[in-house]
Amino acid sequence: MRNTKLPFLLFFLLVLNITQAQELNARVTVNASQVGNNVNKKVFQGLQTALNTFLNTRKWTQDRFLLNEKIDCNFLLIIQPTKEENIYTATLTVQAGRPIFNTTYLSPIVNYRDDDINFKYLEFQQLDFNENRVSGSEPLVSNLTAVFAYYAYMILAFDYDSFSQRGGVPYFQKAQNIVNNAPETRGILGWKPTDGIRNRYWLVQNMQNPAYAIMHDVYYDYYRKAGDKLYEDENLARGEMMNVLNLLNNFSADNRNTMIQQFFFQGKTNELIRIFSKATPQDKARASELLQKIDITNAARYKDELR
């Protein structure tokens, strides 16, 4: 009698191998509530499905990820009203969390809004991305996958940097390759230094700039030396966190108004206040002083809540 269980077992092992191979646990939401009724909303449902498939089934690294090692991330694409058929502008909010050792807490490692998203999409369109031909054959079509691939690599890069020293460098280089070969045509923005002072170009350029190399250490020290030690020795971890603030203070003094410093602090205010609220009065005062200097956007909160 033929063993009918064997094909099922092989199929199960194949599926298990595939699920273990992927790196991202991405959730893409496409919000088209601002688009007029003249556009078929089913197009955006298809786009949402296609983007989820693109991020979650593509192999982004050579490493093998277990299910519990996947990186949790969210992408919110808000479509703006458009006058051109099948061509859209949008804002994209990208968030990713990094688990803290021995806890269920996810520390925000990426929390960024990109306002320069322009793309062309037709219903049932296949989403293709080729690292060797980023610009593709039609720039506005290719720009959509170029943007999402760029942020996939940036998420991986920051995550790897947080677990091993300079571990994210290969993925920053992949993101840099996308920037260098990005699609070009009227309306496409965010890939060039002339497109503004806070964009995709400047974010990866900052992490590739040898003069800013200390930021790789900042990410590693913040998560691996400080965050991951909070469970076993909170005082030691807080001391390491203070060292991170000192590093950032020195970096800020030498490099004014860099994008990467602002990017680092986005989403971390509550976390930092919670960590230093339990410090000694002296350390709390020092942390408040440093944070008010290096995270000016949230200076008032640090002043009020770290008294």
C-alpha atoms as a PDB file:
ATOM      1  CA  MET A   1       0.000   0.000   0.000  1.00  0.00           C
ATOM      2  CA  ARG A   2       1.367   3.439  -0.920  1.00  0.00           C
ATOM      3  CA  ASN A   3       2.330   5.643   2.036  1.00  0.00           C
ATOM      4  CA  THR A   4       0.016   8.653   1.664  1.00  0.00           C
ATOM      5  CA  LYS A   5       1.536  10.358   4.708  1.00  0.00           C
ATOM      6  CA  LEU A   6       4.926  10.860   3.070  1.00  0.00           C
ATOM      7  CA  PRO A   7       3.866  13.501   0.489  1.00  0.00           C
ATOM      8  CA  PHE A   8       2.037  15.380   3.223  1.00  0.00           C
ATOM      9  CA  LEU A   9       5.123  15.249   5.461  1.00  0.00           C
ATOM     10  CA  LEU A  10       7.354  16.490   2.666  1.00  0.00           C
ATOM     11  CA  PHE A  11       4.888  19.290   1.916  1.00  0.00           C
ATOM     12  CA  PHE A  12       4.772  20.233   5.599  1.00  0.00           C
ATOM     13  CA  LEU A  13       8.570  20.345   5.816  1.00  0.00           C
ATOM     14  CA  LEU A  14       8.731  22.438   2.658  1.00  0.00           C
ATOM     15  CA  VAL A  15       6.213  24.945   4.020  1.00  0.00           C
ATOM     16  CA  LEU A  16       8.046  25.036   7.360  1.00  0.00           C
ATOM     17  CA  ASN A  17      11.333  25.703   5.580  1.00  0.00           C
ATOM     18  CA  ILE A  18       9.778  28.544   3.594  1.00  0.00           C
ATOM     19  CA  THR A  19       8.257  30.184   6.658  1.00  0.00           C
ATOM     20  CA  GLN A  20      11.544  29.918   8.507  1.00  0.00           C
ATOM     21  CA  ALA A  21      13.430  31.508   5.624  1.00  0.00           C
ATOM     22  CA  GLN A  22      11.655  34.864   5.510  1.00  0.00           C
ATOM     23  CA  GLU A  23      12.912  37.784   7.592  1.00  0.00           C
ATOM     24  CA  LEU A  24       9.982  40.191   7.870  1.00  0.00           C
ATOM     25  CA  ASN A  25       6.661  39.928   9.627  1.00  0.00           C
ATOM     26  CA  ALA A  26       5.288  42.919   7.755  1.00  0.00           C
ATOM     27  CA  ARG A  27       1.780  44.328   7.863  1.00  0.00           C
ATOM     28  CA  VAL A  28       0.958  46.741   5.057  1.00  0.00           C
ATOM     29  CA  THR A  29      -2.183  48.867   5.268  1.00  0.00           C
ATOM     30  CA  VAL A  30      -3.303  50.939   2.290  1.00  0.00           C
ATOM     31  CA  ASN A  31      -5.668  53.775   3.234  1.00  0.00           C
ATOM     32  CA  ALA A  32      -7.515  55.243   0.250  1.00  0.00           C
ATOM     33  CA  SER A  33     -10.228  57.110   2.158  1.00  0.00           C
ATOM     34  CA  GLN A  34      -9.078  60.457   0.714  1.00  0.00           C
ATOM     35  CA  VAL A  35      -9.384  59.269  -2.876  1.00  0.00           C
ATOM     36  CA  GLY A  36     -12.581  60.250  -4.683  1.00  0.00           C
ATOM     37  CA  ASN A  37     -15.335  57.868  -5.721  1.00  0.00           C
ATOM     38  CA  ASN A  38     -14.197  58.062  -9.347  1.00  0.00           C
ATOM     39  CA  VAL A  39     -11.495  55.465  -8.536  1.00  0.00           C
ATOM     40  CA  ASN A  40     -12.352  51.809  -7.997  1.00  0.00           C
ATOM     41  CA  LYS A  41     -11.397  51.135  -4.339  1.00  0.00           C
ATOM     42  CA  LYS A  42     -10.815  47.449  -5.139  1.00  0.00           C
ATOM     43  CA  VAL A  43      -7.610  48.572  -6.820  1.00  0.00           C
ATOM     44  CA  PHE A  44      -6.222  49.551  -3.423  1.00  0.00           C
ATOM     45  CA  GLN A  45      -7.340  46.316  -1.800  1.00  0.00           C
ATOM     46  CA  GLY A  46      -5.335  44.518  -4.468  1.00  0.00           C
ATOM     47  CA  LEU A  47      -2.400  46.855  -3.886  1.00  0.00           C
ATOM     48  CA  GLN A  48      -2.454  46.112  -0.166  1.00  0.00           C
ATOM     49  CA  THR A  49      -2.432  42.364  -0.797  1.00  0.00           C
ATOM     50  CA  ALA A  50       0.349  42.699  -3.367  1.00  0.00           C
ATOM     51  CA  LEU A  51       2.557  44.756  -1.046  1.00  0.00           C
ATOM     52  CA  ASN A  52       2.055  42.333   1.846  1.00  0.00           C
ATOM     53  CA  THR A  53       3.023  39.469  -0.436  1.00  0.00           C
ATOM     54  CA  PHE A  54       6.031  41.384  -1.777  1.00  0.00           C
ATOM     55  CA  LEU A  55       7.490  42.086   1.661  1.00  0.00           C
ATOM     56  CA  ASN A  56       6.634  38.821   3.377  1.00  0.00           C
ATOM     57  CA  THR A  57       7.549  36.280   0.705  1.00  0.00           C
ATOM     58  CA  ARG A  58      10.708  37.772  -0.770  1.00  0.00           C
ATOM     59  CA  LYS A  59      14.063  36.563   0.594  1.00  0.00           C
ATOM     60  CA  TRP A  60      15.923  39.703   1.683  1.00  0.00           C
ATOM     61  CA  THR A  61      19.064  38.152   3.212  1.00  0.00           C
ATOM     62  CA  GLN A  62      21.119  34.966   3.037  1.00  0.00           C
ATOM     63  CA  ASP A  63      20.374  34.213   6.690  1.00  0.00           C
ATOM     64  CA  ARG A  64      17.792  31.778   7.993  1.00  0.00           C
ATOM     65  CA  PHE A  65      15.160  33.267  10.312  1.00  0.00           C
ATOM     66  CA  LEU A  66      12.987  31.217  12.642  1.00  0.00           C
ATOM     67  CA  LEU A  67       9.361  32.255  13.026  1.00  0.00           C
ATOM     68  CA  ASN A  68      10.043  33.947  16.382  1.00  0.00           C
ATOM     69  CA  GLU A  69      13.007  35.812  14.896  1.00  0.00           C
ATOM     70  CA  LYS A  70      11.059  37.631  12.213  1.00  0.00           C
ATOM     71  CA  ILE A  71      11.151  41.411  12.434  1.00  0.00           C
ATOM     72  CA  ASP A  72       7.764  42.938  13.247  1.00  0.00           C
ATOM     73  CA  CYS A  73       7.100  45.967  11.053  1.00  0.00           C
ATOM     74  CA  ASN A  74       4.167  48.060   9.848  1.00  0.00           C
ATOM     75  CA  PHE A  75       3.727  50.106   6.685  1.00  0.00           C
ATOM     76  CA  LEU A  76       0.859  52.576   6.393  1.00  0.00           C
ATOM     77  CA  LEU A  77       0.405  53.929   2.874  1.00  0.00           C
ATOM     78  CA  ILE A  78      -2.074  56.823   2.729  1.00  0.00           C
ATOM     79  CA  ILE A  79      -3.120  57.559  -0.836  1.00  0.00           C
ATOM     80  CA  GLN A  80      -3.758  61.187  -1.760  1.00  0.00           C
ATOM     81  CA  PRO A  81      -6.371  62.433  -4.251  1.00  0.00           C
ATOM     82  CA  THR A  82      -5.137  62.219  -7.833  1.00  0.00           C
ATOM     83  CA  LYS A  83      -6.073  63.664 -11.215  1.00  0.00           C
ATOM     84  CA  GLU A  84      -3.933  61.296 -13.295  1.00  0.00           C
ATOM     85  CA  GLU A  85      -5.253  57.836 -14.062  1.00  0.00           C
ATOM     86  CA  ASN A  86      -3.392  55.045 -12.243  1.00  0.00           C
ATOM     87  CA  ILE A  87      -0.787  57.476 -10.880  1.00  0.00           C
ATOM     88  CA  TYR A  88      -0.790  58.247  -7.176  1.00  0.00           C
ATOM     89  CA  THR A  89       0.965  60.300  -4.543  1.00  0.00           C
ATOM     90  CA  ALA A  90       1.044  59.085  -0.972  1.00  0.00           C
ATOM     91  CA  THR A  91       2.652  59.278   2.442  1.00  0.00           C
ATOM     92  CA  LEU A  92       4.245  56.179   3.909  1.00  0.00           C
ATOM     93  CA  THR A  93       4.731  55.608   7.633  1.00  0.00           C
ATOM     94  CA  VAL A  94       7.232  52.864   8.427  1.00  0.00           C
ATOM     95  CA  GLN A  95       7.521  51.341  11.899  1.00  0.00           C
ATOM     96  CA  ALA A  96       9.580  48.422  13.155  1.00  0.00           C
ATOM     97  CA  GLY A  97      10.104  47.008  16.621  1.00  0.00           C
ATOM     98  CA  ARG A  98      13.102  45.278  18.133  1.00  0.00           C
ATOM     99  CA  PRO A  99      12.407  42.777  20.954  1.00  0.00           C
ATOM    100  CA  ILE A 100      14.118  43.394  24.293  1.00  0.00           C
ATOM    101  CA  PHE A 101      15.705  40.293  25.779  1.00  0.00           C
ATOM    102  CA  ASN A 102      13.623  38.352  28.315  1.00  0.00           C
ATOM    103  CA  THR A 103      10.547  40.535  27.792  1.00  0.00           C
ATOM    104  CA  THR A 104       7.582  40.770  25.423  1.00  0.00           C
ATOM    105  CA  TYR A 105       8.350  44.456  24.839  1.00  0.00           C
ATOM    106  CA  LEU A 106       9.180  45.724  21.348  1.00  0.00           C
ATOM    107  CA  SER A 107      11.413  48.785  21.354  1.00  0.00           C
ATOM    108  CA  PRO A 108      10.838  51.121  18.369  1.00  0.00           C
ATOM    109  CA  ILE A 109      13.854  50.949  16.089  1.00  0.00           C
ATOM    110  CA  VAL A 110      12.262  52.568  13.013  1.00  0.00           C
ATOM    111  CA  ASN A 111       9.461  55.124  13.202  1.00  0.00           C
ATOM    112  CA  TYR A 112       9.471  57.381  10.164  1.00  0.00           C
ATOM    113  CA  ARG A 113       7.066  59.093   7.774  1.00  0.00           C
ATOM    114  CA  ASP A 114       8.022  59.544   4.142  1.00  0.00           C
ATOM    115  CA  ASP A 115       5.947  62.221   2.389  1.00  0.00           C
ATOM    116  CA  ASP A 116       7.476  61.778  -1.071  1.00  0.00           C
ATOM    117  CA  ILE A 117       5.804  58.667  -2.471  1.00  0.00           C
ATOM    118  CA  ASN A 118       4.804  58.785  -6.147  1.00  0.00           C
ATOM    119  CA  PHE A 119       3.955  55.694  -8.154  1.00  0.00           C
ATOM    120  CA  LYS A 120       1.877  54.091 -10.864  1.00  0.00           C
ATOM    121  CA  TYR A 121      -0.246  51.037 -10.136  1.00  0.00           C
ATOM    122  CA  LEU A 122      -2.799  49.148 -12.187  1.00  0.00           C
ATOM    123  CA  GLU A 123      -5.179  46.567 -10.791  1.00  0.00           C
ATOM    124  CA  PHE A 124      -3.658  43.046 -10.685  1.00  0.00           C
ATOM    125  CA  GLN A 125      -0.215  44.467 -11.490  1.00  0.00           C
ATOM    126  CA  GLN A 126       2.687  42.212 -10.491  1.00  0.00           C
ATOM    127  CA  LEU A 127       5.179  43.857  -8.127  1.00  0.00           C
ATOM    128  CA  ASP A 128       8.682  43.157  -9.360  1.00  0.00           C
ATOM    129  CA  PHE A 129      12.008  44.280  -7.961  1.00  0.00           C
ATOM    130  CA  ASN A 130      15.463  43.573  -9.342  1.00  0.00           C
ATOM    131  CA  GLU A 131      18.487  44.820  -7.393  1.00  0.00           C
ATOM    132  CA  ASN A 132      20.474  44.890 -10.626  1.00  0.00           C
ATOM    133  CA  ARG A 133      17.862  46.969 -12.418  1.00  0.00           C
ATOM    134  CA  VAL A 134      16.179  49.070  -9.758  1.00  0.00           C
ATOM    135  CA  SER A 135      14.833  51.654 -12.205  1.00  0.00           C
ATOM    136  CA  GLY A 136      13.023  49.006 -14.264  1.00  0.00           C
ATOM    137  CA  SER A 137      11.405  49.766 -17.613  1.00  0.00           C
ATOM    138  CA  GLU A 138       8.820  52.274 -16.342  1.00  0.00           C
ATOM    139  CA  PRO A 139      10.045  54.619 -13.578  1.00  0.00           C
ATOM    140  CA  LEU A 140       6.751  55.337 -11.817  1.00  0.00           C
ATOM    141  CA  VAL A 141       5.899  51.626 -11.709  1.00  0.00           C
ATOM    142  CA  SER A 142       9.356  50.692 -10.412  1.00  0.00           C
ATOM    143  CA  ASN A 143       9.359  53.481  -7.841  1.00  0.00           C
ATOM    144  CA  LEU A 144       6.771  51.699  -5.680  1.00  0.00           C
ATOM    145  CA  THR A 145       8.838  48.544  -5.194  1.00  0.00           C
ATOM    146  CA  ALA A 146      12.068  50.548  -4.971  1.00  0.00           C
ATOM    147  CA  VAL A 147      10.675  52.486  -1.999  1.00  0.00           C
ATOM    148  CA  PHE A 148       9.396  49.387  -0.194  1.00  0.00           C
ATOM    149  CA  ALA A 149      12.609  47.443  -0.880  1.00  0.00           C
ATOM    150  CA  TYR A 150      14.634  50.400   0.406  1.00  0.00           C
ATOM    151  CA  TYR A 151      12.748  50.421   3.715  1.00  0.00           C
ATOM    152  CA  ALA A 152      12.919  46.628   3.986  1.00  0.00           C
ATOM    153  CA  TYR A 153      16.712  46.845   3.791  1.00  0.00           C
ATOM    154  CA  MET A 154      16.859  49.795   6.182  1.00  0.00           C
ATOM    155  CA  ILE A 155      14.766  47.889   8.741  1.00  0.00           C
ATOM    156  CA  LEU A 156      17.085  44.904   8.397  1.00  0.00           C
ATOM    157  CA  ALA A 157      20.158  47.131   8.643  1.00  0.00           C
ATOM    158  CA  PHE A 158      19.119  48.835  11.879  1.00  0.00           C
ATOM    159  CA  ASP A 159      17.983  45.526  13.352  1.00  0.00           C
ATOM    160  CA  TYR A 160      21.289  43.801  12.522  1.00  0.00           C
ATOM    161  CA  ASP A 161      23.224  46.804  13.885  1.00  0.00           C
ATOM    162  CA  SER A 162      21.352  46.420  17.170  1.00  0.00           C
ATOM    163  CA  PHE A 163      22.411  42.780  17.608  1.00  0.00           C
ATOM    164  CA  SER A 164      26.036  42.855  16.420  1.00  0.00           C
ATOM    165  CA  GLN A 165      28.556  45.646  15.976  1.00  0.00           C
ATOM    166  CA  ARG A 166      28.309  47.027  12.426  1.00  0.00           C
ATOM    167  CA  GLY A 167      26.152  44.007  11.583  1.00  0.00           C
ATOM    168  CA  GLY A 168      23.822  46.097   9.439  1.00  0.00           C
ATOM    169  CA  VAL A 169      26.486  47.403   7.052  1.00  0.00           C
ATOM    170  CA  PRO A 170      25.671  44.964   4.181  1.00  0.00           C
ATOM    171  CA  TYR A 171      22.015  46.032   4.239  1.00  0.00           C
ATOM    172  CA  PHE A 172      22.808  49.738   4.397  1.00  0.00           C
ATOM    173  CA  GLN A 173      24.878  49.065   1.271  1.00  0.00           C
ATOM    174  CA  LYS A 174      21.892  47.398  -0.402  1.00  0.00           C
ATOM    175  CA  ALA A 175      19.723  50.405   0.469  1.00  0.00           C
ATOM    176  CA  GLN A 176      22.472  52.664  -0.899  1.00  0.00           C
ATOM    177  CA  ASN A 177      22.415  50.678  -4.149  1.00  0.00           C
ATOM    178  CA  ILE A 178      18.699  51.422  -4.494  1.00  0.00           C
ATOM    179  CA  VAL A 179      19.337  55.134  -3.936  1.00  0.00           C
ATOM    180  CA  ASN A 180      22.159  55.168  -6.489  1.00  0.00           C
ATOM    181  CA  ASN A 181      20.002  53.460  -9.122  1.00  0.00           C
ATOM    182  CA  ALA A 182      16.571  54.800  -8.220  1.00  0.00           C
ATOM    183  CA  PRO A 183      13.958  55.485 -10.901  1.00  0.00           C
ATOM    184  CA  GLU A 184      13.991  58.981 -12.363  1.00  0.00           C
ATOM    185  CA  THR A 185      11.183  60.920 -13.961  1.00  0.00           C
ATOM    186  CA  ARG A 186       8.961  63.919 -13.292  1.00  0.00           C
ATOM    187  CA  GLY A 187       7.315  63.706  -9.874  1.00  0.00           C
ATOM    188  CA  ILE A 188       9.653  61.134  -8.307  1.00  0.00           C
ATOM    189  CA  LEU A 189      11.252  62.585  -5.174  1.00  0.00           C
ATOM    190  CA  GLY A 190      13.220  61.477  -2.129  1.00  0.00           C
ATOM    191  CA  TRP A 191      16.199  59.836  -3.797  1.00  0.00           C
ATOM    192  CA  LYS A 192      18.458  62.861  -4.274  1.00  0.00           C
ATOM    193  CA  PRO A 193      20.237  65.303  -1.934  1.00  0.00           C
ATOM    194  CA  THR A 194      18.455  68.149  -3.723  1.00  0.00           C
ATOM    195  CA  ASP A 195      15.028  66.713  -2.829  1.00  0.00           C
ATOM    196  CA  GLY A 196      15.245  68.061   0.726  1.00  0.00           C
ATOM    197  CA  ILE A 197      17.241  67.696   3.933  1.00  0.00           C
ATOM    198  CA  ARG A 198      15.251  64.762   5.347  1.00  0.00           C
ATOM    199  CA  ASN A 199      14.711  61.975   2.842  1.00  0.00           C
ATOM    200  CA  ARG A 200      15.776  58.480   1.764  1.00  0.00           C
ATOM    201  CA  TYR A 201      19.032  59.757   0.327  1.00  0.00           C
ATOM    202  CA  TRP A 202      20.169  61.461   3.520  1.00  0.00           C
ATOM    203  CA  LEU A 203      19.100  58.671   5.859  1.00  0.00           C
ATOM    204  CA  VAL A 204      21.252  56.000   4.261  1.00  0.00           C
ATOM    205  CA  GLN A 205      24.006  58.503   3.445  1.00  0.00           C
ATOM    206  CA  ASN A 206      24.294  59.329   7.144  1.00  0.00           C
ATOM    207  CA  MET A 207      24.696  55.645   8.037  1.00  0.00           C
ATOM    208  CA  GLN A 208      27.246  55.162   5.248  1.00  0.00           C
ATOM    209  CA  ASN A 209      29.236  58.296   6.080  1.00  0.00           C
ATOM    210  CA  PRO A 210      32.532  57.323   7.827  1.00  0.00           C
ATOM    211  CA  ALA A 211      32.366  60.581   9.799  1.00  0.00           C
ATOM    212  CA  TYR A 212      29.116  59.383  11.380  1.00  0.00           C
ATOM    213  CA  ALA A 213      30.270  55.799  12.042  1.00  0.00           C
ATOM    214  CA  ILE A 214      29.680  56.252  15.769  1.00  0.00           C
ATOM    215  CA  MET A 215      25.950  55.949  15.079  1.00  0.00           C
ATOM    216  CA  HIS A 216      26.429  52.238  14.413  1.00  0.00           C
ATOM    217  CA  ASP A 217      27.850  51.958  17.933  1.00  0.00           C
ATOM    218  CA  VAL A 218      24.966  54.007  19.308  1.00  0.00           C
ATOM    219  CA  TYR A 219      22.435  51.506  17.951  1.00  0.00           C
ATOM    220  CA  TYR A 220      24.402  48.502  19.220  1.00  0.00           C
ATOM    221  CA  ASP A 221      25.017  49.992  22.660  1.00  0.00           C
ATOM    222  CA  TYR A 222      21.444  51.225  23.076  1.00  0.00           C
ATOM    223  CA  TYR A 223      19.875  47.852  22.367  1.00  0.00           C
ATOM    224  CA  ARG A 224      22.464  45.186  23.135  1.00  0.00           C
ATOM    225  CA  LYS A 225      24.406  46.743  26.017  1.00  0.00           C
ATOM    226  CA  ALA A 226      21.538  48.662  27.614  1.00  0.00           C
ATOM    227  CA  GLY A 227      18.094  47.482  26.529  1.00  0.00           C
ATOM    228  CA  ASP A 228      18.848  43.763  26.631  1.00  0.00           C
ATOM    229  CA  LYS A 229      20.322  44.104  30.144  1.00  0.00           C
ATOM    230  CA  LEU A 230      17.320  45.819  31.717  1.00  0.00           C
ATOM    231  CA  TYR A 231      15.761  42.563  32.874  1.00  0.00           C
ATOM    232  CA  GLU A 232      18.820  41.174  34.661  1.00  0.00           C
ATOM    233  CA  ASP A 233      20.419  44.373  36.009  1.00  0.00           C
ATOM    234  CA  GLU A 234      18.429  47.569  35.617  1.00  0.00           C
ATOM    235  CA  ASN A 235      21.037  49.825  37.223  1.00  0.00           C
ATOM    236  CA  LEU A 236      23.812  48.511  34.988  1.00  0.00           C
ATOM    237  CA  ALA A 237      21.595  48.882  31.926  1.00  0.00           C
ATOM    238  CA  ARG A 238      20.699  52.435  32.887  1.00  0.00           C
ATOM    239  CA  GLY A 239      24.392  53.247  33.199  1.00  0.00           C
ATOM    240  CA  GLU A 240      24.973  51.911  29.681  1.00  0.00           C
ATOM    241  CA  MET A 241      22.042  53.987  28.466  1.00  0.00           C
ATOM    242  CA  MET A 242      23.666  57.065  29.989  1.00  0.00           C
ATOM    243  CA  ASN A 243      26.828  56.224  28.048  1.00  0.00           C
ATOM    244  CA  VAL A 244      24.719  56.183  24.867  1.00  0.00           C
ATOM    245  CA  LEU A 245      23.379  59.662  25.666  1.00  0.00           C
ATOM    246  CA  ASN A 246      26.931  60.892  26.165  1.00  0.00           C
ATOM    247  CA  LEU A 247      27.927  59.429  22.795  1.00  0.00           C
ATOM    248  CA  LEU A 248      24.981  61.162  21.152  1.00  0.00           C
ATOM    249  CA  ASN A 249      25.808  64.427  22.892  1.00  0.00           C
ATOM    250  CA  ASN A 250      29.375  64.304  21.554  1.00  0.00           C
ATOM    251  CA  PHE A 251      28.097  63.362  18.096  1.00  0.00           C
ATOM    252  CA  SER A 252      25.629  66.246  18.145  1.00  0.00           C
ATOM    253  CA  ALA A 253      28.332  68.730  19.124  1.00  0.00           C
ATOM    254  CA  ASP A 254      30.444  67.706  16.129  1.00  0.00           C
ATOM    255  CA  ASN A 255      27.632  67.159  13.622  1.00  0.00           C
ATOM    256  CA  ARG A 256      24.804  69.654  13.797  1.00  0.00           C
ATOM    257  CA  ASN A 257      21.328  68.971  12.439  1.00  0.00           C
ATOM    258  CA  THR A 258      21.933  65.501  11.009  1.00  0.00           C
ATOM    259  CA  MET A 259      18.968  63.448   9.880  1.00  0.00           C
ATOM    260  CA  ILE A 260      20.147  60.296  11.630  1.00  0.00           C
ATOM    261  CA  GLN A 261      20.088  61.834  15.096  1.00  0.00           C
ATOM    262  CA  GLN A 262      16.494  62.996  14.660  1.00  0.00           C
ATOM    263  CA  PHE A 263      15.613  59.622  13.148  1.00  0.00           C
ATOM    264  CA  PHE A 264      17.128  57.752  16.119  1.00  0.00           C
ATOM    265  CA  PHE A 265      14.909  59.488  18.670  1.00  0.00           C
ATOM    266  CA  GLN A 266      11.597  59.105  16.820  1.00  0.00           C
ATOM    267  CA  GLY A 267       9.371  56.884  18.925  1.00  0.00           C
ATOM    268  CA  LYS A 268      11.804  56.595  21.839  1.00  0.00           C
ATOM    269  CA  THR A 269      10.656  59.453  24.093  1.00  0.00           C
ATOM    270  CA  ASN A 270       8.302  57.400  26.284  1.00  0.00           C
ATOM    271  CA  GLU A 271      10.861  54.624  26.514  1.00  0.00           C
ATOM    272  CA  LEU A 272      13.657  56.938  27.658  1.00  0.00           C
ATOM    273  CA  ILE A 273      11.453  58.692  30.191  1.00  0.00           C
ATOM    274  CA  ARG A 274      10.370  55.350  31.610  1.00  0.00           C
ATOM    275  CA  ILE A 275      13.959  54.116  31.913  1.00  0.00           C
ATOM    276  CA  PHE A 276      15.378  57.227  33.559  1.00  0.00           C
ATOM    277  CA  SER A 277      12.368  57.965  35.769  1.00  0.00           C
ATOM    278  CA  LYS A 278      13.704  55.227  38.087  1.00  0.00           C
ATOM    279  CA  ALA A 279      17.243  56.618  38.191  1.00  0.00           C
ATOM    280  CA  THR A 280      18.871  58.354  41.147  1.00  0.00           C
ATOM    281  CA  PRO A 281      18.105  62.103  41.342  1.00  0.00           C
ATOM    282  CA  GLN A 282      21.621  62.888  40.094  1.00  0.00           C
ATOM    283  CA  ASP A 283      21.415  60.540  37.098  1.00  0.00           C
ATOM    284  CA  LYS A 284      17.872  61.626  36.320  1.00  0.00           C
ATOM    285  CA  ALA A 285      18.954  65.254  36.235  1.00  0.00           C
ATOM    286  CA  ARG A 286      21.925  64.440  33.995  1.00  0.00           C
ATOM    287  CA  ALA A 287      19.745  62.389  31.621  1.00  0.00           C
ATOM    288  CA  SER A 288      17.202  65.194  31.441  1.00  0.00           C
ATOM    289  CA  GLU A 289      19.935  67.727  30.698  1.00  0.00           C
ATOM    290  CA  LEU A 290      21.393  65.618  27.886  1.00  0.00           C
ATOM    291  CA  LEU A 291      18.052  64.678  26.359  1.00  0.00           C
ATOM    292  CA  GLN A 292      16.881  68.286  26.261  1.00  0.00           C
ATOM    293  CA  LYS A 293      20.014  69.134  24.280  1.00  0.00           C
ATOM    294  CA  ILE A 294      20.043  66.256  21.812  1.00  0.00           C
ATOM    295  CA  ASP A 295      16.311  65.613  21.314  1.00  0.00           C
ATOM    296  CA  ILE A 296      15.075  69.192  21.103  1.00  0.00           C
ATOM    297  CA  THR A 297      11.667  68.237  19.697  1.00  0.00           C
ATOM    298  CA  ASN A 298      10.768  66.537  22.990  1.00  0.00           C
ATOM    299  CA  ALA A 299      12.792  68.779  25.319  1.00  0.00           C
ATOM    300  CA  ALA A 300       9.725  70.037  27.217  1.00  0.00           C
ATOM    301  CA  ARG A 301       8.623  66.502  28.038  1.00  0.00           C
ATOM    302  CA  TYR A 302      12.028  65.516  29.387  1.00  0.00           C
ATOM    303  CA  LYS A 303      12.119  68.679  31.473  1.00  0.00           C
ATOM    304  CA  ASP A 304       8.653  68.052  32.940  1.00  0.00           C
ATOM    305  CA  GLU A 305       8.777  64.288  33.416  1.00  0.00           C
ATOM    306  CA  LEU A 306      12.377  63.773  34.544  1.00  0.00           C
ATOM    307  CA  ARG A 307      12.340  66.124  37.501  1.00  0.00           C
END
